[in-house]
């Protein structure tokens, strides 16, 4: 058994040695592979840190005196337009042959006539009544003169009767001449004379009152007559001025009555546009005339009548009309706007070369010249941020500058502080660019 154990242990040792050798070879092979792979890797390429420029358009600016123009919008209206209604009731018996909307009617032309027979009868009745009352007044005045003269006679009779009564009474009482009955008859005659004189005096005293009452009644009758004549005249409705019909709702045979307008007549000889403007613009830029008289009312002064440019909103590049700033119309406390009136004469409203005239109803843009803004920079409005900053190009780099914006007008902004003559303003719209960014100028704007 000893001989068999020895060979077995020897075999075990050989296997153990072989395993160690195999493991060593595997480890060496792995190390060799790593070394080979490491030798095959290339070093990374060198990365260059390059800055990409912003592509922008710029504009060199110079200060200048800039006349400010305020632009507003309003609708054209005629200054004079009247509604015409029937002033008396009745049937329409005649109308103007061209009583249609848009027709031009001359001044004092008959528009329509109402049946006037009832009104003519009222005039005749009023005349008769006035004549009758005038006769009453004349009769009373004449009777007053006659009774005044009669009063003098009756007063004289009263004096004679009084003297006779005294004479008869003294003869009877002092000298026992005559009888008691003669004294009583003399007294009775005296009392009758006194009564007649008193009655006539009362009648004469009442005549002025009676005459005044009659005259008042006559005046009332004459007023009714005047009203009847006026109603008769109102049966004919005539054009008060040369105008254009904008409403016509009267037909022959129609019954009309006082109330709603039947016709509307517009005078196109003078037009007006009422333009609401921002109150701050009016305060800062509108020029007001110097007051020649002491101001005693809390209201706006008279604006200078400057020449205004008017364009139809449907054709802003078309014809330009001219008007004059006329007055301040109103202040709206809700919108903080001040409404101004611009007037246009007919001669200025008629365009030449076959163009459309300026007419009522057009909605127009109105340019009103204001004060001059001294030494300001004009830049595109898009170049100014909501923070009132502007980007400028300095040595090819972007710089942010705070500015003072005096006015925004359309596509432009007018700057009075923060910029200097010769600065290069970036006019390309940029959103939060990095300060000091590199710039690439695409083109310059003049």
Protein backbone atom coordinates (compact mmCIF):
# COMPACT_ATOMS: atom_id res chain seq x y z
CA UNK A 1 0.00 0.00 0.00
CA UNK A 2 2.92 2.39 0.57
CA UNK A 3 4.01 1.92 -2.98
CA UNK A 4 0.50 2.89 -4.27
CA UNK A 5 0.16 6.05 -2.02
CA UNK A 6 3.40 7.60 -3.21
CA UNK A 7 2.45 7.72 -6.85
CA UNK A 8 -0.97 9.29 -5.98
CA UNK A 9 0.50 12.20 -3.99
CA UNK A 10 2.92 12.87 -6.79
CA UNK A 11 0.05 13.13 -9.26
CA UNK A 12 -1.76 15.60 -6.98
CA UNK A 13 1.25 17.87 -6.74
CA UNK A 14 1.68 17.86 -10.53
CA UNK A 15 -1.95 18.90 -11.03
CA UNK A 16 -1.59 21.73 -8.50
CA UNK A 17 1.51 23.05 -10.23
CA UNK A 18 -0.24 22.93 -13.58
CA UNK A 19 -3.15 24.98 -12.23
CA UNK A 20 -0.81 27.63 -10.88
CA UNK A 21 1.00 27.86 -14.18
CA UNK A 22 -2.30 28.13 -16.09
CA UNK A 23 -3.58 30.91 -13.88
CA UNK A 24 -0.30 32.78 -14.22
CA UNK A 25 -0.47 32.52 -18.00
CA UNK A 26 -4.07 33.87 -18.02
CA UNK A 27 -3.13 36.83 -15.84
CA UNK A 28 -0.14 37.59 -18.05
CA UNK A 29 -2.30 37.37 -21.16
CA UNK A 30 -4.84 39.85 -19.66
CA UNK A 31 -2.12 42.30 -18.76
CA UNK A 32 -0.69 42.04 -22.27
CA UNK A 33 -4.17 42.75 -23.75
CA UNK A 34 -4.67 45.85 -21.64
CA UNK A 35 -1.28 47.13 -22.61
CA UNK A 36 -2.07 46.56 -26.30
CA UNK A 37 -5.40 48.39 -26.07
CA UNK A 38 -3.80 51.25 -24.23
CA UNK A 39 -1.24 51.57 -26.96
CA UNK A 40 -4.00 51.75 -29.62
CA UNK A 41 -5.94 54.79 -28.01
CA UNK A 42 -5.24 58.26 -29.58
CA UNK A 43 -5.04 61.42 -27.50
CA UNK A 44 -8.22 63.70 -27.75
CA UNK A 45 -8.15 66.57 -30.18
CA UNK A 46 -7.47 69.97 -28.72
CA UNK A 47 -10.74 71.99 -28.26
CA UNK A 48 -10.52 75.66 -29.19
CA UNK A 49 -12.73 78.12 -27.22
CA UNK A 50 -14.19 80.32 -30.10
CA UNK A 51 -16.87 83.13 -29.50
CA UNK A 52 -19.78 83.39 -31.94
CA UNK A 53 -20.77 87.01 -32.71
CA UNK A 54 -24.34 88.42 -32.71
CA UNK A 55 -25.44 89.55 -36.16
CA UNK A 56 -27.05 92.98 -35.82
CA UNK A 57 -27.99 96.09 -37.75
CA UNK A 58 -26.94 99.43 -36.35
CA UNK A 59 -27.67 103.10 -36.88
CA UNK A 60 -25.53 106.13 -36.13
CA UNK A 61 -27.54 108.84 -34.42
CA UNK A 62 -27.30 112.61 -34.26
CA UNK A 63 -29.32 115.03 -32.13
CA UNK A 64 -31.77 117.33 -33.90
CA UNK A 65 -34.75 119.57 -33.16
CA UNK A 66 -37.80 117.43 -33.88
CA UNK A 67 -41.28 118.90 -34.42
CA UNK A 68 -43.75 116.77 -32.49
CA UNK A 69 -46.92 115.63 -34.23
CA UNK A 70 -49.83 114.19 -32.26
CA UNK A 71 -51.97 111.68 -34.14
CA UNK A 72 -55.54 110.88 -33.22
CA UNK A 73 -58.62 109.42 -34.84
CA UNK A 74 -62.13 110.72 -35.25
CA UNK A 75 -65.19 110.70 -37.47
CA UNK A 76 -66.15 113.52 -39.80
CA UNK A 77 -69.36 115.31 -38.89
CA UNK A 78 -71.11 118.38 -40.26
CA UNK A 79 -71.05 121.33 -37.88
CA UNK A 80 -74.68 122.18 -38.63
CA UNK A 81 -77.34 119.51 -38.97
CA UNK A 82 -80.99 120.07 -38.06
CA UNK A 83 -83.92 117.72 -37.58
CA UNK A 84 -87.09 118.99 -39.21
CA UNK A 85 -90.45 117.96 -37.79
CA UNK A 86 -94.04 118.91 -38.52
CA UNK A 87 -95.07 121.71 -36.17
CA UNK A 88 -98.80 121.27 -36.86
CA UNK A 89 -100.91 118.22 -37.50
CA UNK A 90 -102.56 117.50 -40.82
CA UNK A 91 -102.41 115.72 -44.12
CA UNK A 92 -99.45 116.32 -46.44
CA UNK A 93 -100.81 117.74 -49.68
CA UNK A 94 -97.51 118.54 -51.47
CA UNK A 95 -93.85 117.48 -51.23
CA UNK A 96 -90.61 118.58 -52.87
CA UNK A 97 -90.00 116.67 -56.11
CA UNK A 98 -86.52 115.58 -54.91
CA UNK A 99 -87.32 114.75 -51.30
CA UNK A 100 -84.89 111.81 -51.07
CA UNK A 101 -81.84 111.04 -48.95
CA UNK A 102 -78.69 112.43 -50.54
CA UNK A 103 -80.42 115.19 -52.52
CA UNK A 104 -79.20 118.76 -52.10
CA UNK A 105 -81.94 121.29 -51.36
CA UNK A 106 -81.56 125.05 -51.82
CA UNK A 107 -82.35 127.44 -49.00
CA UNK A 108 -86.03 128.40 -48.53
CA UNK A 109 -87.28 125.72 -50.95
CA UNK A 110 -90.61 124.13 -49.99
CA UNK A 111 -90.03 120.71 -48.47
CA UNK A 112 -93.65 119.75 -47.86
CA UNK A 113 -97.05 121.43 -47.31
CA UNK A 114 -99.81 120.42 -44.87
CA UNK A 115 -103.52 120.97 -45.58
CA UNK A 116 -104.13 124.48 -44.22
CA UNK A 117 -107.91 124.91 -44.48
CA UNK A 118 -108.59 124.48 -40.76
CA UNK A 119 -105.75 126.84 -39.89
CA UNK A 120 -106.96 129.45 -42.37
CA UNK A 121 -110.43 129.27 -40.78
CA UNK A 122 -108.86 129.73 -37.33
CA UNK A 123 -107.12 132.86 -38.62
CA UNK A 124 -110.40 134.26 -39.97
CA UNK A 125 -112.16 133.55 -36.68
CA UNK A 126 -109.35 135.16 -34.72
CA UNK A 127 -109.45 138.26 -36.89
CA UNK A 128 -113.20 138.62 -36.35
CA UNK A 129 -112.87 138.17 -32.61
CA UNK A 130 -110.03 140.70 -32.43
CA UNK A 131 -112.01 143.24 -34.47
CA UNK A 132 -115.03 142.79 -32.18
CA UNK A 133 -112.99 143.32 -29.03
CA UNK A 134 -111.25 146.30 -30.56
CA UNK A 135 -114.71 147.81 -31.09
CA UNK A 136 -115.60 147.16 -27.45
CA UNK A 137 -112.48 149.00 -26.32
CA UNK A 138 -113.24 151.95 -28.61
CA UNK A 139 -116.84 152.11 -27.39
CA UNK A 140 -115.79 152.10 -23.74
CA UNK A 141 -113.21 154.81 -24.33
CA UNK A 142 -115.79 157.01 -26.09
CA UNK A 143 -118.41 156.37 -23.40
CA UNK A 144 -115.85 157.28 -20.74
CA UNK A 145 -115.28 160.65 -22.40
CA UNK A 146 -119.04 161.33 -22.64
CA UNK A 147 -119.74 160.30 -19.04
CA UNK A 148 -116.84 162.39 -17.80
CA UNK A 149 -118.46 165.43 -19.41
CA UNK A 150 -121.88 164.48 -18.00
CA UNK A 151 -120.34 164.20 -14.54
CA UNK A 152 -119.36 167.86 -14.71
CA UNK A 153 -122.97 168.79 -15.55
CA UNK A 154 -124.36 166.66 -12.74
CA UNK A 155 -121.92 168.12 -10.26
CA UNK A 156 -123.07 171.62 -11.30
CA UNK A 157 -126.71 170.55 -10.84
CA UNK A 158 -125.83 169.25 -7.39
CA UNK A 159 -124.31 172.64 -6.47
CA UNK A 160 -127.42 174.50 -7.71
CA UNK A 161 -129.75 172.14 -5.88
CA UNK A 162 -127.71 172.60 -2.69
CA UNK A 163 -127.87 176.41 -2.97
CA UNK A 164 -131.62 176.32 -3.62
CA UNK A 165 -132.21 174.07 -0.65
CA UNK A 166 -130.20 176.37 1.66
CA UNK A 167 -132.08 179.46 0.43
CA UNK A 168 -135.53 177.91 0.93
CA UNK A 169 -134.60 176.49 4.33
CA UNK A 170 -133.28 179.84 5.63
CA UNK A 171 -136.36 181.76 4.43
CA UNK A 172 -138.64 179.33 6.14
CA UNK A 173 -136.65 178.94 9.37
CA UNK A 174 -135.56 182.55 9.85
CA UNK A 175 -138.27 184.66 8.20
CA UNK A 176 -141.22 182.27 8.11
CA UNK A 177 -141.41 182.72 4.35
CA UNK A 178 -142.69 179.71 2.40
CA UNK A 179 -143.97 176.36 3.57
CA UNK A 180 -142.50 173.18 4.97
CA UNK A 181 -143.46 171.31 1.85
CA UNK A 182 -141.40 173.69 -0.30
CA UNK A 183 -138.39 173.04 1.94
CA UNK A 184 -138.92 169.30 1.62
CA UNK A 185 -139.18 169.52 -2.17
CA UNK A 186 -135.95 171.55 -2.31
CA UNK A 187 -134.21 168.97 -0.11
CA UNK A 188 -135.54 166.13 -2.27
CA UNK A 189 -134.24 167.81 -5.42
CA UNK A 190 -130.86 168.29 -3.78
CA UNK A 191 -130.65 164.63 -2.71
CA UNK A 192 -131.56 163.48 -6.24
CA UNK A 193 -128.84 165.67 -7.72
CA UNK A 194 -126.30 164.28 -5.24
CA UNK A 195 -127.30 160.70 -6.07
CA UNK A 196 -127.02 161.26 -9.83
CA UNK A 197 -123.61 162.89 -9.47
CA UNK A 198 -122.37 160.08 -7.21
CA UNK A 199 -123.57 157.40 -9.61
CA UNK A 200 -121.92 159.11 -12.55
CA UNK A 201 -118.69 159.61 -10.57
CA UNK A 202 -118.64 155.91 -9.74
CA UNK A 203 -119.20 154.99 -13.39
CA UNK A 204 -116.43 157.33 -14.53
CA UNK A 205 -114.07 155.90 -11.91
CA UNK A 206 -114.75 152.32 -13.16
CA UNK A 207 -114.14 153.12 -16.83
CA UNK A 208 -110.31 152.72 -16.65
CA UNK A 209 -110.74 149.25 -15.12
CA UNK A 210 -113.36 148.25 -17.68
CA UNK A 211 -111.20 149.58 -20.51
CA UNK A 212 -108.15 147.73 -19.20
CA UNK A 213 -110.14 144.49 -18.97
CA UNK A 214 -111.35 144.97 -22.53
CA UNK A 215 -107.83 145.69 -23.72
CA UNK A 216 -106.55 142.54 -21.97
CA UNK A 217 -109.28 140.49 -23.63
CA UNK A 218 -108.31 142.10 -26.94
CA UNK A 219 -104.64 141.26 -26.34
CA UNK A 220 -105.54 137.62 -25.66
CA UNK A 221 -107.57 137.50 -28.85
CA UNK A 222 -104.72 139.07 -30.79
CA UNK A 223 -102.32 136.47 -29.32
CA UNK A 224 -104.69 133.69 -30.43
CA UNK A 225 -104.81 135.31 -33.84
CA UNK A 226 -101.02 135.47 -33.97
CA UNK A 227 -100.83 131.78 -33.01
CA UNK A 228 -103.39 130.92 -35.68
CA UNK A 229 -101.36 132.82 -38.27
CA UNK A 230 -98.17 131.09 -37.12
CA UNK A 231 -99.85 127.68 -37.40
CA UNK A 232 -101.06 128.64 -40.85
CA UNK A 233 -97.48 129.58 -41.83
CA UNK A 234 -96.20 126.31 -40.33
CA UNK A 235 -98.26 124.38 -42.84
CA UNK A 236 -95.44 125.13 -45.27
CA UNK A 237 -92.10 123.61 -44.23
CA UNK A 238 -89.10 125.16 -46.00
CA UNK A 239 -85.36 124.46 -46.00
CA UNK A 240 -83.60 126.74 -43.50
CA UNK A 241 -80.31 126.64 -45.44
CA UNK A 242 -78.61 124.95 -48.36
CA UNK A 243 -78.13 121.37 -47.26
CA UNK A 244 -78.11 117.66 -47.97
CA UNK A 245 -80.97 115.43 -46.90
CA UNK A 246 -79.84 112.64 -44.58
CA UNK A 247 -83.37 111.61 -43.51
CA UNK A 248 -86.62 111.78 -45.47
CA UNK A 249 -89.78 110.08 -44.22
CA UNK A 250 -92.55 112.25 -45.69
CA UNK A 251 -94.87 111.19 -48.47
CA UNK A 252 -97.78 112.99 -50.09
CA UNK A 253 -101.09 112.02 -48.52
CA UNK A 254 -99.46 111.03 -45.24
CA UNK A 255 -100.89 112.35 -41.97
CA UNK A 256 -98.22 113.98 -39.85
CA UNK A 257 -98.22 115.45 -36.37
CA UNK A 258 -95.72 117.31 -34.20
CA UNK A 259 -93.13 115.01 -32.66
CA UNK A 260 -90.54 112.78 -34.35
CA UNK A 261 -88.26 114.25 -37.03
CA UNK A 262 -89.45 113.75 -40.57
CA UNK A 263 -86.41 115.24 -42.32
CA UNK A 264 -82.78 115.89 -41.44
CA UNK A 265 -80.77 118.50 -43.31
CA UNK A 266 -76.96 118.65 -43.08
CA UNK A 267 -74.88 121.67 -44.04
CA UNK A 268 -71.74 120.35 -45.77
CA UNK A 269 -70.14 123.77 -46.05
CA UNK A 270 -68.30 123.26 -42.76
CA UNK A 271 -67.11 119.91 -41.39
CA UNK A 272 -65.66 118.99 -38.00
CA UNK A 273 -63.69 116.07 -36.59
CA UNK A 274 -63.68 115.56 -32.84
CA UNK A 275 -60.44 113.76 -31.90
CA UNK A 276 -59.81 112.22 -28.46
CA UNK A 277 -56.15 112.67 -27.42
CA UNK A 278 -54.16 111.49 -24.43
CA UNK A 279 -54.36 114.19 -21.79
CA UNK A 280 -50.61 114.07 -21.23
CA UNK A 281 -49.94 114.70 -24.92
CA UNK A 282 -52.25 117.70 -24.90
CA UNK A 283 -50.64 119.13 -21.76
CA UNK A 284 -47.09 118.60 -23.01
CA UNK A 285 -47.28 119.25 -26.73
CA UNK A 286 -50.34 121.26 -27.79
CA UNK A 287 -49.64 124.98 -28.17
CA UNK A 288 -52.22 127.31 -26.62
CA UNK A 289 -52.71 130.92 -27.64
CA UNK A 290 -51.80 133.60 -25.11
CA UNK A 291 -54.86 134.90 -23.29
CA UNK A 292 -55.63 138.48 -24.33
CA UNK A 293 -58.21 138.89 -21.56
CA UNK A 294 -58.15 137.90 -17.87
CA UNK A 295 -59.14 134.27 -17.41
CA UNK A 296 -62.19 133.95 -15.15
CA UNK A 297 -63.29 130.38 -15.98
CA UNK A 298 -61.69 127.07 -15.02
CA UNK A 299 -61.40 125.63 -18.51
CA UNK A 300 -58.78 125.08 -21.17
CA UNK A 301 -57.46 128.03 -23.10
CA UNK A 302 -57.85 128.51 -26.81
CA UNK A 303 -55.43 126.28 -28.76
CA UNK A 304 -53.43 127.83 -31.56
CA UNK A 305 -55.28 127.27 -34.87
CA UNK A 306 -52.51 125.20 -36.46
CA UNK A 307 -52.88 123.51 -39.83
CA UNK A 308 -53.69 119.79 -39.39
CA UNK A 309 -53.28 116.93 -41.86
CA UNK A 310 -56.19 114.54 -42.34
CA UNK A 311 -56.10 111.10 -43.95
CA UNK A 312 -58.91 108.63 -44.49
CA UNK A 313 -58.24 105.51 -42.43
CA UNK A 314 -59.27 103.35 -45.41
CA UNK A 315 -56.58 104.96 -47.58
CA UNK A 316 -53.78 106.25 -45.36
CA UNK A 317 -51.42 106.65 -48.31
CA UNK A 318 -53.97 108.52 -50.39
CA UNK A 319 -55.12 112.12 -50.49
CA UNK A 320 -54.35 114.50 -47.63
CA UNK A 321 -56.87 117.12 -46.52
CA UNK A 322 -56.13 120.12 -44.37
CA UNK A 323 -58.09 121.45 -41.40
CA UNK A 324 -57.59 123.85 -38.53
CA UNK A 325 -57.46 123.10 -34.82
CA UNK A 326 -60.48 124.97 -33.47
CA UNK A 327 -61.17 124.32 -29.75
CA UNK A 328 -61.12 121.97 -26.79
CA UNK A 329 -64.42 120.06 -26.70
CA UNK A 330 -64.43 117.93 -23.54
CA UNK A 331 -62.41 116.08 -20.93
CA UNK A 332 -63.26 112.43 -20.19
CA UNK A 333 -62.48 111.54 -16.59
CA UNK A 334 -62.79 107.79 -17.31
CA UNK A 335 -60.27 107.54 -20.14
CA UNK A 336 -58.22 110.65 -19.17
CA UNK A 337 -58.55 111.88 -22.72
CA UNK A 338 -59.10 115.42 -24.00
CA UNK A 339 -61.22 115.81 -27.12
CA UNK A 340 -60.24 118.53 -29.57
CA UNK A 341 -62.17 119.77 -32.59
CA UNK A 342 -60.61 120.16 -36.04
CA UNK A 343 -62.67 122.05 -38.61
CA UNK A 344 -62.50 121.66 -42.37
CA UNK A 345 -63.98 124.16 -44.81
CA UNK A 346 -65.78 122.87 -47.88
CA UNK A 347 -63.06 124.18 -50.19
CA UNK A 348 -60.45 122.11 -48.32
CA UNK A 349 -62.70 119.05 -48.14
CA UNK A 350 -63.02 118.80 -51.93
CA UNK A 351 -60.09 116.84 -53.32
CA UNK A 352 -58.72 117.43 -56.80
CA UNK A 353 -57.80 115.08 -59.62
CA UNK A 354 -61.04 113.14 -59.32
CA UNK A 355 -60.30 111.87 -55.81
CA UNK A 356 -63.03 111.39 -53.26
CA UNK A 357 -63.82 114.45 -51.15
CA UNK A 358 -63.76 114.40 -47.38
CA UNK A 359 -67.36 113.69 -46.42
CA UNK A 360 -69.43 113.13 -43.31
CA UNK A 361 -69.02 109.69 -41.79
CA UNK A 362 -65.40 109.05 -42.80
CA UNK A 363 -63.19 107.78 -39.97
CA UNK A 364 -59.89 109.61 -40.33
CA UNK A 365 -56.43 109.92 -38.83
CA UNK A 366 -55.66 113.50 -37.85
CA UNK A 367 -52.09 114.76 -37.44
CA UNK A 368 -51.86 117.82 -35.19
CA UNK A 369 -48.53 119.72 -35.10
CA UNK A 370 -47.32 120.43 -31.57
CA UNK A 371 -44.32 121.96 -29.90
CA UNK A 372 -40.76 121.28 -31.09
CA UNK A 373 -38.66 118.79 -29.13
CA UNK A 374 -35.17 120.37 -28.89
CA UNK A 375 -32.02 118.24 -29.34
CA UNK A 376 -33.50 114.75 -29.32
CA UNK A 377 -32.41 111.46 -30.87
CA UNK A 378 -34.85 109.66 -33.15
CA UNK A 379 -34.50 105.87 -33.01
CA UNK A 380 -36.78 102.98 -34.00
CA UNK A 381 -39.24 102.20 -31.27
CA UNK A 382 -38.22 98.54 -31.38
CA UNK A 383 -34.70 99.53 -30.30
CA UNK A 384 -35.97 100.71 -26.89
CA UNK A 385 -36.80 98.04 -24.31
CA UNK A 386 -39.67 98.23 -21.84
CA UNK A 387 -37.03 99.08 -19.21
CA UNK A 388 -36.10 102.22 -21.20
CA UNK A 389 -32.73 100.83 -22.23
CA UNK A 390 -30.97 100.85 -25.59
CA UNK A 391 -28.22 98.55 -26.88
CA UNK A 392 -25.26 100.31 -28.50
CA UNK A 393 -22.20 99.00 -30.28
CA UNK A 394 -18.88 100.04 -28.67
CA UNK A 395 -15.64 98.66 -30.18
CA UNK A 396 -17.55 95.75 -31.67
CA UNK A 397 -19.15 94.84 -28.34
CA UNK A 398 -22.71 95.20 -27.02
CA UNK A 399 -23.31 97.73 -24.29
CA UNK A 400 -26.62 98.48 -22.49
CA UNK A 401 -27.44 102.16 -21.92
CA UNK A 402 -30.31 103.58 -19.86
CA UNK A 403 -32.10 106.37 -21.71
CA UNK A 404 -34.76 109.00 -21.13
CA UNK A 405 -37.62 108.60 -23.58
CA UNK A 406 -39.37 111.91 -24.21
CA UNK A 407 -42.02 110.58 -26.58
CA UNK A 408 -43.15 107.45 -28.39
CA UNK A 409 -44.76 108.19 -31.74
CA UNK A 410 -45.73 105.39 -34.09
CA UNK A 411 -42.64 103.39 -35.03
CA UNK A 412 -40.20 105.88 -33.52
CA UNK A 413 -38.97 106.87 -30.08
CA UNK A 414 -37.50 110.26 -29.23
CA UNK A 415 -34.71 110.18 -26.63
CA UNK A 416 -33.44 113.20 -24.75
CA UNK A 417 -31.00 111.60 -22.29
CA UNK A 418 -28.54 108.71 -22.10
CA UNK A 419 -27.21 108.87 -25.68
CA UNK A 420 -24.66 111.10 -27.38
CA UNK A 421 -24.22 112.29 -30.92
CA UNK A 422 -22.39 109.71 -33.03
CA UNK A 423 -23.42 106.72 -30.91
CA UNK A 424 -24.09 103.53 -32.81
CA UNK A 425 -27.47 102.18 -31.77
CA UNK A 426 -28.38 98.55 -32.42
CA UNK A 427 -31.72 98.55 -34.23
CA UNK A 428 -32.11 94.77 -34.39
CA UNK A 429 -34.56 93.51 -31.79
CA UNK A 430 -32.65 91.45 -29.21
CA UNK A 431 -34.05 89.45 -26.30
CA UNK A 432 -31.89 89.45 -23.15
CA UNK A 433 -28.48 89.48 -24.91
CA UNK A 434 -25.32 88.98 -22.85
CA UNK A 435 -23.57 92.18 -21.94
CA UNK A 436 -20.34 92.78 -23.86
CA UNK A 437 -21.30 90.24 -26.53
CA UNK A 438 -19.27 90.24 -29.72
CA UNK A 439 -21.14 91.89 -32.62
CA UNK A 440 -21.17 91.36 -36.35
CA UNK A 441 -22.66 94.41 -38.12
CA UNK A 442 -24.74 93.38 -41.12
CA UNK A 443 -25.41 96.88 -42.44
CA UNK A 444 -25.61 100.45 -41.32
CA UNK A 445 -28.81 102.47 -41.43
CA UNK A 446 -28.64 106.14 -42.20
